[in-house]
Amino acid sequence: MKGKQYLVIFVDDSPSAREVVEDGFKDSGYLLVTAAGVVELENQVLTSSETLKQVDLFIFDFDMPYLTGTQIASAMDRVYAELKDVPFLIFSGRPQDEVLKSIETSKKSSPSFARNYKGFVPKKENSLSDLLAVVGKILKK
């Protein structure tokens, strides 16, 4: 829908990563909400039924305390039925083979993960432009 401000939720335990992504997304016209991990995501971000209805995309870091991004994505629809069709990306600086192995395992064990997974973007220098390009294709912006 033209003119819509897309709501993207970015979950990453790195304060500097959240700041860089937040700045880049605001400059690109997205509404970005960040969380430092699964606890903050549940306790501060997903407590509003309005937020649950409006989320257009999740971006998960892979390596975080308590649960990895793939684990969060695999369980999302079991905890929040409203999010069963919300797409997500994995954005991580972990070795690509490690992340891809976890993604493949999650695809096999979680139908919602397989359905909603839209890609992996490696964190590297200047990867914000890569992330924004992938997000733009997913949201058709």
Protein backbone atom coordinates (compact mmCIF):
# COMPACT_ATOMS: atom_id res chain seq x y z
CA MET A 1 0.00 0.00 0.00
CA LYS A 2 1.57 3.26 -1.13
CA GLY A 3 2.13 5.83 1.58
CA LYS A 4 2.10 3.30 4.42
CA GLN A 5 4.78 3.66 7.05
CA TYR A 6 5.94 0.09 7.62
CA LEU A 7 6.53 -1.10 11.20
CA VAL A 8 9.72 -3.11 11.52
CA ILE A 9 10.87 -4.65 14.80
CA PHE A 10 14.62 -5.16 15.16
CA VAL A 11 15.85 -7.47 17.93
CA ASP A 12 19.59 -7.32 18.68
CA ASP A 13 21.50 -7.38 21.95
CA SER A 14 24.12 -4.93 20.64
CA PRO A 15 23.32 -1.30 21.52
CA SER A 16 25.54 -0.03 18.69
CA ALA A 17 23.86 -2.29 16.12
CA ARG A 18 20.43 -1.10 17.28
CA GLU A 19 21.55 2.53 17.01
CA VAL A 20 22.99 2.15 13.49
CA VAL A 21 19.93 0.30 12.21
CA GLU A 22 17.57 2.73 13.92
CA ASP A 23 19.26 5.74 12.28
CA GLY A 24 19.26 4.11 8.84
CA PHE A 25 15.66 2.99 9.00
CA LYS A 26 14.35 6.35 10.20
CA ASP A 27 16.19 8.05 7.34
CA SER A 28 14.46 5.60 4.97
CA GLY A 29 10.94 6.30 6.24
CA TYR A 30 10.33 3.14 8.26
CA LEU A 31 8.91 3.04 11.75
CA LEU A 32 11.45 0.97 13.64
CA VAL A 33 11.04 -0.43 17.13
CA THR A 34 14.04 -2.09 18.76
CA ALA A 35 14.48 -4.64 21.52
CA ALA A 36 17.64 -5.91 23.17
CA GLY A 37 16.47 -9.52 23.25
CA VAL A 38 13.52 -11.83 23.72
CA VAL A 39 12.72 -10.57 27.24
CA GLU A 40 12.50 -6.94 26.15
CA LEU A 41 10.64 -7.95 23.00
CA GLU A 42 7.94 -9.66 25.05
CA ASN A 43 7.79 -7.28 28.01
CA GLN A 44 7.99 -3.95 26.20
CA VAL A 45 7.23 -4.36 22.52
CA LEU A 46 4.66 -7.11 22.10
CA THR A 47 2.45 -6.15 25.05
CA SER A 48 0.20 -3.99 22.87
CA SER A 49 -2.49 -5.63 20.75
CA GLU A 50 -2.18 -2.66 18.36
CA THR A 51 1.53 -3.37 17.85
CA LEU A 52 0.77 -7.05 17.24
CA LYS A 53 -1.67 -6.08 14.49
CA GLN A 54 0.67 -3.58 12.84
CA VAL A 55 4.01 -5.42 12.63
CA ASP A 56 5.12 -5.75 9.00
CA LEU A 57 8.55 -7.35 9.49
CA PHE A 58 10.90 -8.67 12.15
CA ILE A 59 14.69 -8.55 11.91
CA PHE A 60 16.44 -10.85 14.36
CA ASP A 61 20.10 -10.97 15.27
CA PHE A 62 21.19 -14.59 15.42
CA ASP A 63 23.40 -14.67 18.52
CA MET A 64 21.63 -13.27 21.59
CA PRO A 65 21.29 -14.24 25.26
CA TYR A 66 18.58 -16.79 26.15
CA LEU A 67 17.36 -17.54 22.60
CA THR A 68 18.88 -17.20 19.14
CA GLY A 69 17.04 -15.28 16.46
CA THR A 70 16.08 -18.54 14.78
CA GLN A 71 14.63 -19.89 18.04
CA ILE A 72 12.56 -16.74 18.57
CA ALA A 73 11.27 -16.86 15.00
CA SER A 74 10.41 -20.55 15.32
CA ALA A 75 8.24 -19.97 18.38
CA MET A 76 6.68 -16.62 17.48
CA ASP A 77 3.35 -17.89 16.12
CA ARG A 78 2.90 -20.34 19.01
CA VAL A 79 3.08 -17.46 21.48
CA TYR A 80 1.40 -14.76 19.38
CA ALA A 81 -1.14 -16.09 16.89
CA GLU A 82 -1.47 -12.58 15.42
CA LEU A 83 2.10 -12.84 14.14
CA LYS A 84 1.70 -16.15 12.30
CA ASP A 85 2.21 -14.59 8.87
CA VAL A 86 4.71 -11.82 9.67
CA PRO A 87 7.91 -12.22 7.64
CA PHE A 88 11.35 -11.99 9.18
CA LEU A 89 15.04 -11.77 8.35
CA ILE A 90 18.12 -12.91 10.19
CA PHE A 91 20.82 -10.20 10.39
CA SER A 92 24.01 -11.50 11.97
CA GLY A 93 27.75 -11.22 12.16
CA ARG A 94 28.19 -14.86 13.19
CA PRO A 95 29.93 -17.15 10.70
CA GLN A 96 27.59 -17.67 7.77
CA ASP A 97 27.79 -21.49 7.85
CA GLU A 98 26.72 -21.53 11.52
CA VAL A 99 23.73 -19.26 10.86
CA LEU A 100 22.66 -21.11 7.71
CA LYS A 101 22.82 -24.47 9.51
CA SER A 102 20.50 -23.15 12.23
CA ILE A 103 18.16 -21.71 9.59
CA GLU A 104 17.93 -25.06 7.78
CA THR A 105 17.22 -26.89 11.05
CA SER A 106 14.51 -24.37 11.93
CA LYS A 107 12.90 -24.64 8.50
CA LYS A 108 12.56 -28.41 8.98
CA SER A 109 11.13 -28.20 12.50
CA SER A 110 8.87 -25.16 12.26
CA PRO A 111 6.35 -24.69 9.43
CA SER A 112 5.89 -21.03 10.37
CA PHE A 113 9.64 -20.46 10.24
CA ALA A 114 9.80 -22.00 6.77
CA ARG A 115 6.82 -19.93 5.61
CA ASN A 116 7.93 -16.56 7.03
CA TYR A 117 11.72 -16.71 6.63
CA LYS A 118 12.73 -14.20 3.95
CA GLY A 119 16.50 -14.21 4.09
CA PHE A 120 19.80 -13.84 5.87
CA VAL A 121 21.82 -10.63 5.67
CA PRO A 122 25.39 -10.89 7.00
CA LYS A 123 26.50 -8.07 9.29
CA LYS A 124 29.63 -6.52 7.95
CA GLU A 125 30.96 -3.06 7.34
CA ASN A 126 28.35 -1.03 5.44
CA SER A 127 25.78 -3.84 5.62
CA LEU A 128 23.00 -1.40 6.49
CA SER A 129 22.47 -0.65 2.80
CA ASP A 130 22.21 -4.40 2.08
CA LEU A 131 19.69 -4.79 4.89
CA LEU A 132 17.60 -1.84 3.67
CA ALA A 133 17.60 -3.24 0.12
CA VAL A 134 16.32 -6.64 1.27
CA VAL A 135 13.71 -5.05 3.53
CA GLY A 136 12.55 -2.85 0.65
CA LYS A 137 12.07 -5.90 -1.58
CA ILE A 138 10.13 -7.78 1.10
CA LEU A 139 7.87 -4.84 1.87
CA LYS A 140 7.85 -3.71 -1.77
CA LYS A 141 8.86 -0.20 -0.88
